[in-house]
């Protein structure tokens, strides 16, 4: 579990692990310039913030795993089922698809509260 932290650059974990992120800011790394969230296992994100330009990559999310977003935001905008694919223009889902098309391939694995 990661609580009250800032994570820069690349954040990823194996499908054999579950992770909880609470009050976490995902920011760009000053050296690489990117902010990449790539879970392979179950993840709960509560009160988390993603920096502008964040990359939400669920291409390798195991079929039996889920992502739960609770009061998370992207650059000040609350992330919802209605806006997630637009917010993460670089959203990547199964089959290496981006944007709304990528979201369609994984939306049954993402839940909002």
N, C-alpha and C. Protein backbone atom coordinates (compact mmCIF):
# COMPACT_ATOMS: atom_id res chain seq x y z
N UNK A 1 0.83 -1.19 0.00
CA UNK A 1 0.00 0.00 0.00
C UNK A 1 0.87 1.25 0.00
N UNK A 2 0.44 2.23 -0.78
CA UNK A 2 1.15 3.50 -0.87
C UNK A 2 0.19 4.58 -0.39
N UNK A 3 0.61 5.35 0.62
CA UNK A 3 -0.27 6.35 1.22
C UNK A 3 0.49 7.68 1.36
N UNK A 4 -0.23 8.78 1.08
CA UNK A 4 0.32 10.13 1.25
C UNK A 4 1.71 10.27 0.62
N UNK A 5 1.77 9.98 -0.68
CA UNK A 5 3.06 9.97 -1.37
C UNK A 5 2.95 10.63 -2.74
N UNK A 6 4.11 10.91 -3.32
CA UNK A 6 4.22 11.35 -4.70
C UNK A 6 5.06 10.32 -5.44
N UNK A 7 4.53 9.82 -6.54
CA UNK A 7 5.25 8.86 -7.36
C UNK A 7 5.55 9.52 -8.70
N UNK A 8 6.81 9.52 -9.07
CA UNK A 8 7.25 10.17 -10.30
C UNK A 8 7.59 9.14 -11.36
N UNK A 9 7.20 9.43 -12.60
CA UNK A 9 7.60 8.60 -13.73
C UNK A 9 6.78 7.34 -13.86
N UNK A 10 7.43 6.19 -13.76
CA UNK A 10 6.84 4.88 -14.04
C UNK A 10 6.35 4.23 -12.76
N UNK A 11 5.05 3.82 -12.75
CA UNK A 11 4.49 3.07 -11.63
C UNK A 11 3.85 1.81 -12.18
N UNK A 12 4.34 0.65 -11.75
CA UNK A 12 3.83 -0.62 -12.24
C UNK A 12 4.02 -1.68 -11.17
N UNK A 13 3.21 -2.75 -11.25
CA UNK A 13 3.35 -3.88 -10.33
C UNK A 13 2.79 -5.13 -10.99
N UNK A 14 3.20 -6.30 -10.51
CA UNK A 14 2.87 -7.59 -11.12
C UNK A 14 1.42 -7.99 -10.89
N UNK A 15 0.93 -8.91 -11.73
CA UNK A 15 -0.44 -9.40 -11.60
C UNK A 15 -0.61 -10.28 -10.36
N UNK A 16 0.47 -10.70 -9.76
CA UNK A 16 0.39 -11.51 -8.54
C UNK A 16 0.21 -10.66 -7.30
N UNK A 17 0.26 -9.33 -7.47
CA UNK A 17 0.13 -8.41 -6.34
C UNK A 17 -1.10 -7.53 -6.52
N UNK A 18 -1.67 -7.14 -5.40
CA UNK A 18 -2.72 -6.13 -5.39
C UNK A 18 -2.11 -4.88 -4.77
N UNK A 19 -2.58 -3.72 -5.20
CA UNK A 19 -2.01 -2.48 -4.68
C UNK A 19 -3.12 -1.49 -4.36
N UNK A 20 -2.89 -0.73 -3.29
CA UNK A 20 -3.78 0.35 -2.91
C UNK A 20 -2.97 1.64 -2.87
N UNK A 21 -3.50 2.66 -3.52
CA UNK A 21 -2.87 3.98 -3.53
C UNK A 21 -3.88 4.95 -2.93
N UNK A 22 -3.51 5.61 -1.84
CA UNK A 22 -4.41 6.55 -1.19
C UNK A 22 -3.70 7.87 -0.98
N UNK A 23 -4.33 8.95 -1.46
CA UNK A 23 -3.74 10.29 -1.38
C UNK A 23 -2.35 10.31 -2.03
N UNK A 24 -2.30 9.79 -3.24
CA UNK A 24 -1.05 9.71 -3.98
C UNK A 24 -1.12 10.63 -5.20
N UNK A 25 -0.05 11.36 -5.43
CA UNK A 25 0.08 12.17 -6.64
C UNK A 25 1.01 11.46 -7.60
N UNK A 26 0.52 11.23 -8.81
CA UNK A 26 1.33 10.64 -9.87
C UNK A 26 1.81 11.79 -10.74
N UNK A 27 3.11 12.03 -10.75
CA UNK A 27 3.65 13.19 -11.44
C UNK A 27 4.70 12.79 -12.48
N UNK A 28 5.03 13.75 -13.32
CA UNK A 28 6.06 13.52 -14.32
C UNK A 28 7.43 13.48 -13.66
N UNK A 29 8.25 12.59 -14.17
CA UNK A 29 9.64 12.51 -13.72
C UNK A 29 10.41 13.64 -14.40
N UNK A 30 11.21 14.37 -13.65
CA UNK A 30 11.92 15.52 -14.21
C UNK A 30 12.97 15.11 -15.24
N UNK A 31 13.47 13.88 -15.17
CA UNK A 31 14.48 13.42 -16.12
C UNK A 31 13.84 12.88 -17.40
N UNK A 32 12.86 11.97 -17.24
CA UNK A 32 12.24 11.35 -18.42
C UNK A 32 11.10 12.18 -18.99
N UNK A 33 10.45 12.97 -18.12
CA UNK A 33 9.35 13.81 -18.57
C UNK A 33 8.02 13.09 -18.72
N UNK A 34 7.92 11.87 -18.22
CA UNK A 34 6.63 11.20 -18.34
C UNK A 34 6.08 10.74 -17.00
N UNK A 35 4.77 10.46 -17.03
CA UNK A 35 4.04 9.94 -15.88
C UNK A 35 3.25 8.75 -16.41
N UNK A 36 3.65 7.54 -16.04
CA UNK A 36 3.11 6.32 -16.63
C UNK A 36 2.60 5.40 -15.53
N UNK A 37 1.30 5.09 -15.53
CA UNK A 37 0.70 4.17 -14.57
C UNK A 37 0.33 2.89 -15.32
N UNK A 38 0.94 1.76 -14.96
CA UNK A 38 0.78 0.50 -15.69
C UNK A 38 0.60 -0.66 -14.71
N UNK A 39 -0.62 -0.86 -14.20
CA UNK A 39 -0.85 -1.98 -13.29
C UNK A 39 -1.07 -3.29 -14.06
N UNK A 40 -0.64 -4.37 -13.46
CA UNK A 40 -0.91 -5.71 -14.02
C UNK A 40 -1.91 -6.44 -13.13
N UNK A 41 -2.05 -6.00 -11.87
CA UNK A 41 -2.94 -6.63 -10.90
C UNK A 41 -4.02 -5.67 -10.43
N UNK A 42 -4.81 -6.14 -9.47
CA UNK A 42 -5.87 -5.31 -8.89
C UNK A 42 -5.29 -4.04 -8.28
N UNK A 43 -6.00 -2.93 -8.48
CA UNK A 43 -5.55 -1.67 -7.88
C UNK A 43 -6.75 -0.87 -7.41
N UNK A 44 -6.61 -0.31 -6.22
CA UNK A 44 -7.58 0.65 -5.71
C UNK A 44 -6.86 1.98 -5.60
N UNK A 45 -7.42 3.00 -6.22
CA UNK A 45 -6.85 4.34 -6.16
C UNK A 45 -7.88 5.24 -5.51
N UNK A 46 -7.53 5.80 -4.35
CA UNK A 46 -8.46 6.64 -3.61
C UNK A 46 -7.84 8.02 -3.37
N UNK A 47 -8.59 9.05 -3.78
CA UNK A 47 -8.13 10.44 -3.61
C UNK A 47 -6.75 10.65 -4.24
N UNK A 48 -6.57 10.11 -5.43
CA UNK A 48 -5.29 10.24 -6.13
C UNK A 48 -5.39 11.29 -7.22
N UNK A 49 -4.24 11.85 -7.58
CA UNK A 49 -4.15 12.88 -8.59
C UNK A 49 -3.14 12.46 -9.65
N UNK A 50 -3.54 12.60 -10.91
CA UNK A 50 -2.65 12.34 -12.03
C UNK A 50 -2.29 13.65 -12.69
N UNK A 51 -1.01 13.84 -12.96
CA UNK A 51 -0.54 15.07 -13.60
C UNK A 51 -0.99 15.13 -15.05
N UNK A 52 -1.07 16.35 -15.56
CA UNK A 52 -1.38 16.54 -16.97
C UNK A 52 -0.38 15.75 -17.81
N UNK A 53 -0.89 15.05 -18.81
CA UNK A 53 -0.02 14.25 -19.67
C UNK A 53 0.22 12.84 -19.16
N UNK A 54 -0.44 12.48 -18.06
CA UNK A 54 -0.26 11.13 -17.51
C UNK A 54 -0.74 10.09 -18.52
N UNK A 55 -0.08 8.97 -18.51
CA UNK A 55 -0.36 7.86 -19.40
C UNK A 55 -0.96 6.74 -18.56
N UNK A 56 -2.18 6.32 -18.86
CA UNK A 56 -2.90 5.29 -18.11
C UNK A 56 -2.92 4.04 -18.98
N UNK A 57 -2.05 3.10 -18.68
CA UNK A 57 -1.79 1.95 -19.55
C UNK A 57 -2.31 0.67 -18.92
N UNK A 58 -3.42 0.14 -19.45
CA UNK A 58 -3.99 -1.10 -18.94
C UNK A 58 -3.84 -2.24 -19.95
N UNK A 59 -2.93 -2.09 -20.88
CA UNK A 59 -2.74 -3.09 -21.92
C UNK A 59 -2.41 -4.46 -21.33
N UNK A 60 -1.65 -4.48 -20.25
CA UNK A 60 -1.22 -5.75 -19.66
C UNK A 60 -1.98 -6.10 -18.38
N UNK A 61 -3.10 -5.41 -18.12
CA UNK A 61 -3.92 -5.75 -16.96
C UNK A 61 -4.50 -7.14 -17.18
N UNK A 62 -4.23 -8.05 -16.24
CA UNK A 62 -4.72 -9.41 -16.36
C UNK A 62 -6.24 -9.42 -16.48
N UNK A 63 -6.78 -10.34 -17.26
CA UNK A 63 -8.22 -10.40 -17.54
C UNK A 63 -9.09 -10.49 -16.29
N UNK A 64 -8.57 -11.11 -15.23
CA UNK A 64 -9.35 -11.30 -14.00
C UNK A 64 -9.08 -10.23 -12.95
N UNK A 65 -8.43 -9.14 -13.33
CA UNK A 65 -8.08 -8.07 -12.41
C UNK A 65 -8.93 -6.83 -12.66
N UNK A 66 -9.00 -5.96 -11.65
CA UNK A 66 -9.84 -4.77 -11.73
C UNK A 66 -9.10 -3.54 -11.20
N UNK A 67 -9.55 -2.40 -11.69
CA UNK A 67 -9.07 -1.10 -11.22
C UNK A 67 -10.27 -0.39 -10.62
N UNK A 68 -10.12 0.13 -9.41
CA UNK A 68 -11.19 0.88 -8.76
C UNK A 68 -10.68 2.30 -8.49
N UNK A 69 -11.39 3.29 -9.02
CA UNK A 69 -11.04 4.70 -8.84
C UNK A 69 -12.07 5.35 -7.92
N UNK A 70 -11.60 5.90 -6.81
CA UNK A 70 -12.47 6.54 -5.84
C UNK A 70 -12.01 7.98 -5.66
N UNK A 71 -12.80 8.91 -6.19
CA UNK A 71 -12.50 10.33 -6.04
C UNK A 71 -11.10 10.70 -6.52
N UNK A 72 -10.74 10.23 -7.70
CA UNK A 72 -9.44 10.56 -8.28
C UNK A 72 -9.62 11.65 -9.33
N UNK A 73 -8.55 12.39 -9.58
CA UNK A 73 -8.64 13.45 -10.58
C UNK A 73 -7.41 13.50 -11.46
N UNK A 74 -7.62 14.13 -12.60
CA UNK A 74 -6.58 14.36 -13.59
C UNK A 74 -6.47 15.86 -13.79
N UNK A 75 -5.38 16.42 -13.35
CA UNK A 75 -5.14 17.84 -13.54
C UNK A 75 -6.32 18.69 -13.07
N UNK A 76 -6.94 18.29 -11.94
CA UNK A 76 -8.03 19.04 -11.35
C UNK A 76 -9.43 18.61 -11.77
N UNK A 77 -9.54 17.69 -12.72
CA UNK A 77 -10.84 17.21 -13.18
C UNK A 77 -11.10 15.82 -12.60
N UNK A 78 -12.26 15.64 -11.97
CA UNK A 78 -12.60 14.33 -11.41
C UNK A 78 -12.72 13.31 -12.54
N UNK A 79 -12.12 12.15 -12.35
CA UNK A 79 -12.15 11.09 -13.36
C UNK A 79 -13.42 10.27 -13.18
N UNK A 80 -14.21 10.16 -14.26
CA UNK A 80 -15.46 9.40 -14.23
C UNK A 80 -15.49 8.42 -15.40
N UNK A 81 -16.48 7.55 -15.39
CA UNK A 81 -16.66 6.61 -16.50
C UNK A 81 -16.92 7.37 -17.80
N UNK A 82 -17.57 8.53 -17.69
CA UNK A 82 -17.90 9.31 -18.87
C UNK A 82 -16.72 10.05 -19.49
N UNK A 83 -15.70 10.37 -18.69
CA UNK A 83 -14.62 11.18 -19.24
C UNK A 83 -13.24 10.51 -19.25
N UNK A 84 -13.12 9.32 -18.72
CA UNK A 84 -11.79 8.72 -18.59
C UNK A 84 -11.08 8.54 -19.93
N UNK A 85 -11.78 8.09 -20.94
CA UNK A 85 -11.14 7.86 -22.24
C UNK A 85 -10.70 9.16 -22.89
N UNK A 86 -11.43 10.25 -22.64
CA UNK A 86 -11.06 11.55 -23.17
C UNK A 86 -9.91 12.16 -22.38
N UNK A 87 -9.99 12.03 -21.06
CA UNK A 87 -8.94 12.59 -20.21
C UNK A 87 -7.59 11.97 -20.53
N UNK A 88 -7.59 10.65 -20.58
CA UNK A 88 -6.34 9.96 -20.89
C UNK A 88 -6.30 9.72 -22.39
N UNK A 89 -5.97 10.75 -23.14
CA UNK A 89 -5.91 10.62 -24.60
C UNK A 89 -4.92 9.55 -25.01
N UNK A 90 -3.97 9.28 -24.14
CA UNK A 90 -3.00 8.23 -24.43
C UNK A 90 -3.37 6.94 -23.72
N UNK A 91 -4.64 6.84 -23.30
CA UNK A 91 -5.15 5.65 -22.63
C UNK A 91 -4.92 4.44 -23.52
N UNK A 92 -4.31 3.41 -22.97
CA UNK A 92 -4.02 2.22 -23.76
C UNK A 92 -4.71 1.02 -23.15
N UNK A 93 -5.42 0.28 -23.98
CA UNK A 93 -6.11 -0.92 -23.51
C UNK A 93 -5.59 -2.16 -24.20
N UNK A 94 -6.31 -3.24 -24.08
CA UNK A 94 -5.90 -4.50 -24.71
C UNK A 94 -5.78 -4.30 -26.22
N UNK A 95 -4.89 -5.02 -26.83
CA UNK A 95 -4.73 -4.93 -28.28
C UNK A 95 -4.02 -3.67 -28.72
N UNK A 96 -3.33 -3.00 -27.78
CA UNK A 96 -2.52 -1.83 -28.11
C UNK A 96 -3.33 -0.72 -28.76
N UNK A 97 -4.56 -0.52 -28.26
CA UNK A 97 -5.42 0.53 -28.79
C UNK A 97 -5.39 1.74 -27.87
N UNK A 98 -5.57 2.92 -28.44
CA UNK A 98 -5.48 4.14 -27.67
C UNK A 98 -6.82 4.86 -27.59
N UNK A 99 -6.94 5.78 -26.62
CA UNK A 99 -8.12 6.62 -26.49
C UNK A 99 -9.38 5.82 -26.21
N UNK A 100 -10.49 6.26 -26.78
CA UNK A 100 -11.79 5.63 -26.53
C UNK A 100 -11.79 4.17 -26.97
N UNK A 101 -11.12 3.85 -28.04
CA UNK A 101 -11.07 2.47 -28.53
C UNK A 101 -10.34 1.56 -27.53
N UNK A 102 -9.26 2.05 -26.97
CA UNK A 102 -8.55 1.28 -25.95
C UNK A 102 -9.37 1.10 -24.69
N UNK A 103 -10.09 2.16 -24.31
CA UNK A 103 -10.94 2.09 -23.13
C UNK A 103 -12.03 1.04 -23.30
N UNK A 104 -12.60 0.95 -24.48
CA UNK A 104 -13.67 -0.03 -24.73
C UNK A 104 -13.20 -1.45 -24.42
N UNK A 105 -11.93 -1.74 -24.62
CA UNK A 105 -11.42 -3.09 -24.42
C UNK A 105 -11.21 -3.45 -22.95
N UNK A 106 -11.19 -2.46 -22.07
CA UNK A 106 -10.93 -2.72 -20.65
C UNK A 106 -11.98 -2.12 -19.71
N UNK A 107 -13.00 -1.45 -20.24
CA UNK A 107 -13.93 -0.73 -19.38
C UNK A 107 -14.67 -1.63 -18.40
N UNK A 108 -14.85 -2.89 -18.71
CA UNK A 108 -15.52 -3.80 -17.78
C UNK A 108 -14.65 -4.12 -16.57
N UNK A 109 -13.40 -3.71 -16.61
CA UNK A 109 -12.47 -3.96 -15.51
C UNK A 109 -12.22 -2.71 -14.67
N UNK A 110 -12.86 -1.60 -15.00
CA UNK A 110 -12.66 -0.34 -14.28
C UNK A 110 -13.95 0.06 -13.60
N UNK A 111 -13.85 0.39 -12.30
CA UNK A 111 -15.01 0.76 -11.51
C UNK A 111 -14.77 2.10 -10.84
N UNK A 112 -15.85 2.85 -10.67
CA UNK A 112 -15.77 4.20 -10.09
C UNK A 112 -16.67 4.29 -8.88
N UNK A 113 -16.25 5.08 -7.88
CA UNK A 113 -17.06 5.33 -6.70
C UNK A 113 -17.04 6.81 -6.40
